């Protein structure tokens, strides 16, 4: 959502324009990498840390091999983003299948669907806000306002569609300030 603004703020307008499609694709890859890290706890619990080495080697090999092949063919920076995404997706699928042998994994599709609905509503609201309310979308205060709007709208929509239930809200309230 904010990749253009953040890249412009941190680098330059030219770099932001060239990489407008790179950040979302890499972001999806990082999502699958994060899910793989969550699954890796199964391997720690069952003392199968050698599987972690194999999974990381697979990720590295896939990413490097796909980059060598496809960047050579297409000579575009977006190809590196796509190969990173594909590598992490394949590694997640592999890790999920292996982890499923040791642990029953319930993906809770209803919760995932509610999170996707809340995300879509957040994106629509942020795009509306960006197009109609912000005069200078590259200003730090505008970026911070959009981030806060995104967080608030996501949480509000999740609560409205019961993506967060009362037990979870009570849990967060009871642990507020107990981060030690």
C-alpha atoms as a PDB file:
ATOM      1  CA  UNK A   1       0.000   0.000   0.000  1.00  0.00           C
ATOM      2  CA  UNK A   2       2.595   2.508   1.043  1.00  0.00           C
ATOM      3  CA  UNK A   3       5.566   1.190  -0.918  1.00  0.00           C
ATOM      4  CA  UNK A   4       5.581   4.125  -3.365  1.00  0.00           C
ATOM      5  CA  UNK A   5       5.468   6.727  -0.594  1.00  0.00           C
ATOM      6  CA  UNK A   6       7.994   4.993   1.648  1.00  0.00           C
ATOM      7  CA  UNK A   7      10.445   4.340  -1.195  1.00  0.00           C
ATOM      8  CA  UNK A   8      10.156   7.964  -2.316  1.00  0.00           C
ATOM      9  CA  UNK A   9      10.736   9.150   1.241  1.00  0.00           C
ATOM     10  CA  UNK A  10      13.703   6.805   1.797  1.00  0.00           C
ATOM     11  CA  UNK A  11      15.260   6.783  -1.690  1.00  0.00           C
ATOM     12  CA  UNK A  12      13.994   8.800  -4.653  1.00  0.00           C
ATOM     13  CA  UNK A  13      10.965   9.148  -6.908  1.00  0.00           C
ATOM     14  CA  UNK A  14      12.769   7.360  -9.762  1.00  0.00           C
ATOM     15  CA  UNK A  15      13.588   4.314  -7.630  1.00  0.00           C
ATOM     16  CA  UNK A  16      10.028   4.232  -6.300  1.00  0.00           C
ATOM     17  CA  UNK A  17       8.573   4.342  -9.824  1.00  0.00           C
ATOM     18  CA  UNK A  18      10.843   1.527 -11.031  1.00  0.00           C
ATOM     19  CA  UNK A  19      10.008  -0.763  -8.136  1.00  0.00           C
ATOM     20  CA  UNK A  20       6.277  -0.134  -7.711  1.00  0.00           C
ATOM     21  CA  UNK A  21       5.449  -3.805  -8.421  1.00  0.00           C
ATOM     22  CA  UNK A  22       8.496  -5.272  -6.701  1.00  0.00           C
ATOM     23  CA  UNK A  23       7.535  -4.518  -3.095  1.00  0.00           C
ATOM     24  CA  UNK A  24       4.128  -6.279  -3.110  1.00  0.00           C
ATOM     25  CA  UNK A  25       5.590  -9.397  -4.734  1.00  0.00           C
ATOM     26  CA  UNK A  26       8.494  -9.511  -2.284  1.00  0.00           C
ATOM     27  CA  UNK A  27       5.976  -8.882   0.508  1.00  0.00           C
ATOM     28  CA  UNK A  28       4.039 -11.989  -0.511  1.00  0.00           C
ATOM     29  CA  UNK A  29       7.283 -13.954  -0.517  1.00  0.00           C
ATOM     30  CA  UNK A  30       8.091 -12.699   2.961  1.00  0.00           C
ATOM     31  CA  UNK A  31       4.619 -13.748   4.110  1.00  0.00           C
ATOM     32  CA  UNK A  32       5.348 -17.340   3.071  1.00  0.00           C
ATOM     33  CA  UNK A  33       8.819 -17.131   4.612  1.00  0.00           C
ATOM     34  CA  UNK A  34       7.210 -16.031   7.894  1.00  0.00           C
ATOM     35  CA  UNK A  35       4.703 -18.877   7.732  1.00  0.00           C
ATOM     36  CA  UNK A  36       7.617 -21.253   7.187  1.00  0.00           C
ATOM     37  CA  UNK A  37       9.323 -19.820  10.283  1.00  0.00           C
ATOM     38  CA  UNK A  38       6.172 -20.506  12.290  1.00  0.00           C
ATOM     39  CA  UNK A  39       6.112 -24.091  11.020  1.00  0.00           C
ATOM     40  CA  UNK A  40       9.778 -24.475  11.924  1.00  0.00           C
ATOM     41  CA  UNK A  41       8.777 -24.555  15.589  1.00  0.00           C
ATOM     42  CA  UNK A  42       7.317 -28.008  14.949  1.00  0.00           C
ATOM     43  CA  UNK A  43      10.793 -29.193  13.961  1.00  0.00           C
ATOM     44  CA  UNK A  44      12.341 -27.681  17.094  1.00  0.00           C
ATOM     45  CA  UNK A  45       9.766 -29.353  19.335  1.00  0.00           C
ATOM     46  CA  UNK A  46      10.401 -32.742  17.712  1.00  0.00           C
ATOM     47  CA  UNK A  47      14.178 -32.221  17.615  1.00  0.00           C
ATOM     48  CA  UNK A  48      14.247 -32.419  13.811  1.00  0.00           C
ATOM     49  CA  UNK A  49      16.515 -29.436  13.338  1.00  0.00           C
ATOM     50  CA  UNK A  50      18.243 -31.177  10.428  1.00  0.00           C
ATOM     51  CA  UNK A  51      14.985 -30.598   8.526  1.00  0.00           C
ATOM     52  CA  UNK A  52      15.421 -26.862   9.129  1.00  0.00           C
ATOM     53  CA  UNK A  53      18.799 -27.011   7.435  1.00  0.00           C
ATOM     54  CA  UNK A  54      17.270 -28.849   4.486  1.00  0.00           C
ATOM     55  CA  UNK A  55      14.413 -26.355   4.217  1.00  0.00           C
ATOM     56  CA  UNK A  56      16.776 -23.368   4.297  1.00  0.00           C
ATOM     57  CA  UNK A  57      19.107 -24.988   1.777  1.00  0.00           C
ATOM     58  CA  UNK A  58      16.131 -25.637  -0.495  1.00  0.00           C
ATOM     59  CA  UNK A  59      15.063 -21.980  -0.215  1.00  0.00           C
ATOM     60  CA  UNK A  60      18.548 -20.718  -0.984  1.00  0.00           C
ATOM     61  CA  UNK A  61      19.101 -23.111  -3.875  1.00  0.00           C
ATOM     62  CA  UNK A  62      15.709 -22.402  -5.450  1.00  0.00           C
ATOM     63  CA  UNK A  63      16.077 -18.649  -5.156  1.00  0.00           C
ATOM     64  CA  UNK A  64      19.604 -18.576  -6.589  1.00  0.00           C
ATOM     65  CA  UNK A  65      18.847 -21.058  -9.383  1.00  0.00           C
ATOM     66  CA  UNK A  66      15.627 -19.338 -10.432  1.00  0.00           C
ATOM     67  CA  UNK A  67      17.342 -15.930 -10.339  1.00  0.00           C
ATOM     68  CA  UNK A  68      20.231 -17.151 -12.502  1.00  0.00           C
ATOM     69  CA  UNK A  69      17.874 -18.670 -15.063  1.00  0.00           C
ATOM     70  CA  UNK A  70      15.128 -16.058 -15.264  1.00  0.00           C
ATOM     71  CA  UNK A  71      17.084 -12.833 -14.746  1.00  0.00           C
ATOM     72  CA  UNK A  72      19.386 -13.962 -17.549  1.00  0.00           C
ATOM     73  CA  UNK A  73      16.372 -14.566 -19.818  1.00  0.00           C
ATOM     74  CA  UNK A  74      14.249 -11.502 -18.993  1.00  0.00           C
ATOM     75  CA  UNK A  75      16.759  -8.965 -17.576  1.00  0.00           C
ATOM     76  CA  UNK A  76      14.137  -7.292 -15.368  1.00  0.00           C
ATOM     77  CA  UNK A  77      14.314  -6.511 -11.642  1.00  0.00           C
ATOM     78  CA  UNK A  78      10.754  -7.728 -11.107  1.00  0.00           C
ATOM     79  CA  UNK A  79      11.920 -11.240 -12.034  1.00  0.00           C
ATOM     80  CA  UNK A  80      14.026 -11.321  -8.850  1.00  0.00           C
ATOM     81  CA  UNK A  81      10.903 -10.489  -6.845  1.00  0.00           C
ATOM     82  CA  UNK A  82       8.871 -13.197  -8.576  1.00  0.00           C
ATOM     83  CA  UNK A  83      11.574 -15.842  -8.116  1.00  0.00           C
ATOM     84  CA  UNK A  84      11.849 -14.933  -4.416  1.00  0.00           C
ATOM     85  CA  UNK A  85       8.077 -15.286  -4.057  1.00  0.00           C
ATOM     86  CA  UNK A  86       8.015 -18.617  -5.919  1.00  0.00           C
ATOM     87  CA  UNK A  87      10.964 -19.954  -3.893  1.00  0.00           C
ATOM     88  CA  UNK A  88       9.377 -19.109  -0.551  1.00  0.00           C
ATOM     89  CA  UNK A  89       5.987 -20.460  -1.668  1.00  0.00           C
ATOM     90  CA  UNK A  90       7.528 -23.800  -2.667  1.00  0.00           C
ATOM     91  CA  UNK A  91       9.510 -23.952   0.576  1.00  0.00           C
ATOM     92  CA  UNK A  92       6.360 -23.199   2.608  1.00  0.00           C
ATOM     93  CA  UNK A  93       4.449 -25.993   0.859  1.00  0.00           C
ATOM     94  CA  UNK A  94       7.322 -28.399   1.500  1.00  0.00           C
ATOM     95  CA  UNK A  95       7.660 -27.349   5.162  1.00  0.00           C
ATOM     96  CA  UNK A  96       3.898 -27.618   5.656  1.00  0.00           C
ATOM     97  CA  UNK A  97       3.814 -31.150   4.284  1.00  0.00           C
ATOM     98  CA  UNK A  98       6.763 -32.270   6.387  1.00  0.00           C
ATOM     99  CA  UNK A  99       5.490 -30.529   9.549  1.00  0.00           C
ATOM    100  CA  UNK A 100       2.075 -32.161   9.050  1.00  0.00           C
ATOM    101  CA  UNK A 101       3.725 -35.541   9.640  1.00  0.00           C
ATOM    102  CA  UNK A 102       4.651 -34.486  13.182  1.00  0.00           C
ATOM    103  CA  UNK A 103       1.825 -32.152  14.124  1.00  0.00           C
ATOM    104  CA  UNK A 104      -1.827 -31.668  13.162  1.00  0.00           C
ATOM    105  CA  UNK A 105      -2.044 -28.242  11.545  1.00  0.00           C
ATOM    106  CA  UNK A 106      -5.423 -26.538  11.310  1.00  0.00           C
ATOM    107  CA  UNK A 107      -5.253 -23.481   9.065  1.00  0.00           C
ATOM    108  CA  UNK A 108      -8.644 -22.180  10.298  1.00  0.00           C
ATOM    109  CA  UNK A 109      -9.966 -21.074   6.906  1.00  0.00           C
ATOM    110  CA  UNK A 110     -12.794 -19.003   8.407  1.00  0.00           C
ATOM    111  CA  UNK A 111     -10.319 -16.849  10.318  1.00  0.00           C
ATOM    112  CA  UNK A 112      -8.098 -16.450   7.278  1.00  0.00           C
ATOM    113  CA  UNK A 113     -11.103 -15.394   5.186  1.00  0.00           C
ATOM    114  CA  UNK A 114     -12.117 -12.800   7.783  1.00  0.00           C
ATOM    115  CA  UNK A 115      -8.576 -11.422   7.848  1.00  0.00           C
ATOM    116  CA  UNK A 116      -8.637 -11.182   4.047  1.00  0.00           C
ATOM    117  CA  UNK A 117     -11.967  -9.322   4.131  1.00  0.00           C
ATOM    118  CA  UNK A 118     -10.602  -6.900   6.740  1.00  0.00           C
ATOM    119  CA  UNK A 119      -7.461  -6.418   4.634  1.00  0.00           C
ATOM    120  CA  UNK A 120      -9.503  -5.691   1.497  1.00  0.00           C
ATOM    121  CA  UNK A 121     -11.647  -3.143   3.358  1.00  0.00           C
ATOM    122  CA  UNK A 122      -8.508  -1.519   4.748  1.00  0.00           C
ATOM    123  CA  UNK A 123      -6.957  -1.256   1.271  1.00  0.00           C
ATOM    124  CA  UNK A 124     -10.114   0.261  -0.217  1.00  0.00           C
ATOM    125  CA  UNK A 125     -10.384   2.828   2.577  1.00  0.00           C
ATOM    126  CA  UNK A 126      -6.705   3.735   2.338  1.00  0.00           C
ATOM    127  CA  UNK A 127      -6.912   4.121  -1.459  1.00  0.00           C
ATOM    128  CA  UNK A 128     -10.001   6.336  -1.077  1.00  0.00           C
ATOM    129  CA  UNK A 129      -8.215   8.392   1.585  1.00  0.00           C
ATOM    130  CA  UNK A 130      -5.074   8.679  -0.526  1.00  0.00           C
ATOM    131  CA  UNK A 131      -6.953   9.826  -3.642  1.00  0.00           C
ATOM    132  CA  UNK A 132      -9.433  12.197  -2.004  1.00  0.00           C
ATOM    133  CA  UNK A 133      -7.947  13.516   1.212  1.00  0.00           C
ATOM    134  CA  UNK A 134      -4.180  13.736   0.936  1.00  0.00           C
ATOM    135  CA  UNK A 135      -2.675  16.728  -0.811  1.00  0.00           C
ATOM    136  CA  UNK A 136       0.940  15.557  -0.505  1.00  0.00           C
ATOM    137  CA  UNK A 137       1.112  11.782  -0.208  1.00  0.00           C
ATOM    138  CA  UNK A 138       4.911  11.860   0.100  1.00  0.00           C
ATOM    139  CA  UNK A 139       4.890  13.931   3.281  1.00  0.00           C
ATOM    140  CA  UNK A 140       5.851  12.093   6.468  1.00  0.00           C
ATOM    141  CA  UNK A 141       2.675  13.139   8.313  1.00  0.00           C
ATOM    142  CA  UNK A 142       0.490  11.892   5.441  1.00  0.00           C
ATOM    143  CA  UNK A 143       2.253   8.533   5.481  1.00  0.00           C
ATOM    144  CA  UNK A 144       1.869   8.208   9.260  1.00  0.00           C
ATOM    145  CA  UNK A 145      -1.802   9.192   9.019  1.00  0.00           C
ATOM    146  CA  UNK A 146      -2.387   6.558   6.360  1.00  0.00           C
ATOM    147  CA  UNK A 147      -0.625   3.908   8.459  1.00  0.00           C
ATOM    148  CA  UNK A 148      -2.773   4.737  11.500  1.00  0.00           C
ATOM    149  CA  UNK A 149      -5.919   4.749   9.336  1.00  0.00           C
ATOM    150  CA  UNK A 150      -4.964   1.330   8.002  1.00  0.00           C
ATOM    151  CA  UNK A 151      -4.400  -0.134  11.454  1.00  0.00           C
ATOM    152  CA  UNK A 152      -7.610   1.332  12.877  1.00  0.00           C
ATOM    153  CA  UNK A 153      -9.779   0.317   9.917  1.00  0.00           C
ATOM    154  CA  UNK A 154      -8.375  -3.231   9.913  1.00  0.00           C
ATOM    155  CA  UNK A 155      -9.093  -3.706  13.617  1.00  0.00           C
ATOM    156  CA  UNK A 156     -12.574  -2.134  13.388  1.00  0.00           C
ATOM    157  CA  UNK A 157     -13.572  -4.327  10.441  1.00  0.00           C
ATOM    158  CA  UNK A 158     -12.201  -7.436  12.176  1.00  0.00           C
ATOM    159  CA  UNK A 159     -14.262  -6.673  15.276  1.00  0.00           C
ATOM    160  CA  UNK A 160     -17.392  -5.916  13.198  1.00  0.00           C
ATOM    161  CA  UNK A 161     -17.210  -9.195  11.266  1.00  0.00           C
ATOM    162  CA  UNK A 162     -16.308 -11.095  14.427  1.00  0.00           C
ATOM    163  CA  UNK A 163     -12.812 -11.901  13.256  1.00  0.00           C
ATOM    164  CA  UNK A 164     -11.743 -11.226  16.827  1.00  0.00           C
ATOM    165  CA  UNK A 165     -13.963 -12.817  19.453  1.00  0.00           C
ATOM    166  CA  UNK A 166     -14.599 -11.714  23.033  1.00  0.00           C
ATOM    167  CA  UNK A 167     -12.128 -14.216  24.478  1.00  0.00           C
ATOM    168  CA  UNK A 168      -9.327 -12.797  22.337  1.00  0.00           C
ATOM    169  CA  UNK A 169     -10.246  -9.216  23.287  1.00  0.00           C
ATOM    170  CA  UNK A 170     -10.299 -10.217  26.972  1.00  0.00           C
ATOM    171  CA  UNK A 171      -6.884 -11.851  26.546  1.00  0.00           C
ATOM    172  CA  UNK A 172      -5.392  -8.672  25.064  1.00  0.00           C
ATOM    173  CA  UNK A 173      -6.969  -6.519  27.778  1.00  0.00           C
ATOM    174  CA  UNK A 174      -5.663  -8.781  30.555  1.00  0.00           C
ATOM    175  CA  UNK A 175      -2.118  -8.697  29.147  1.00  0.00           C
ATOM    176  CA  UNK A 176      -1.989  -4.968  28.482  1.00  0.00           C
ATOM    177  CA  UNK A 177       1.158  -3.647  30.115  1.00  0.00           C
ATOM    178  CA  UNK A 178       2.448  -7.122  31.060  1.00  0.00           C
ATOM    179  CA  UNK A 179       5.128  -7.344  28.357  1.00  0.00           C
ATOM    180  CA  UNK A 180       7.907  -8.292  30.801  1.00  0.00           C
END
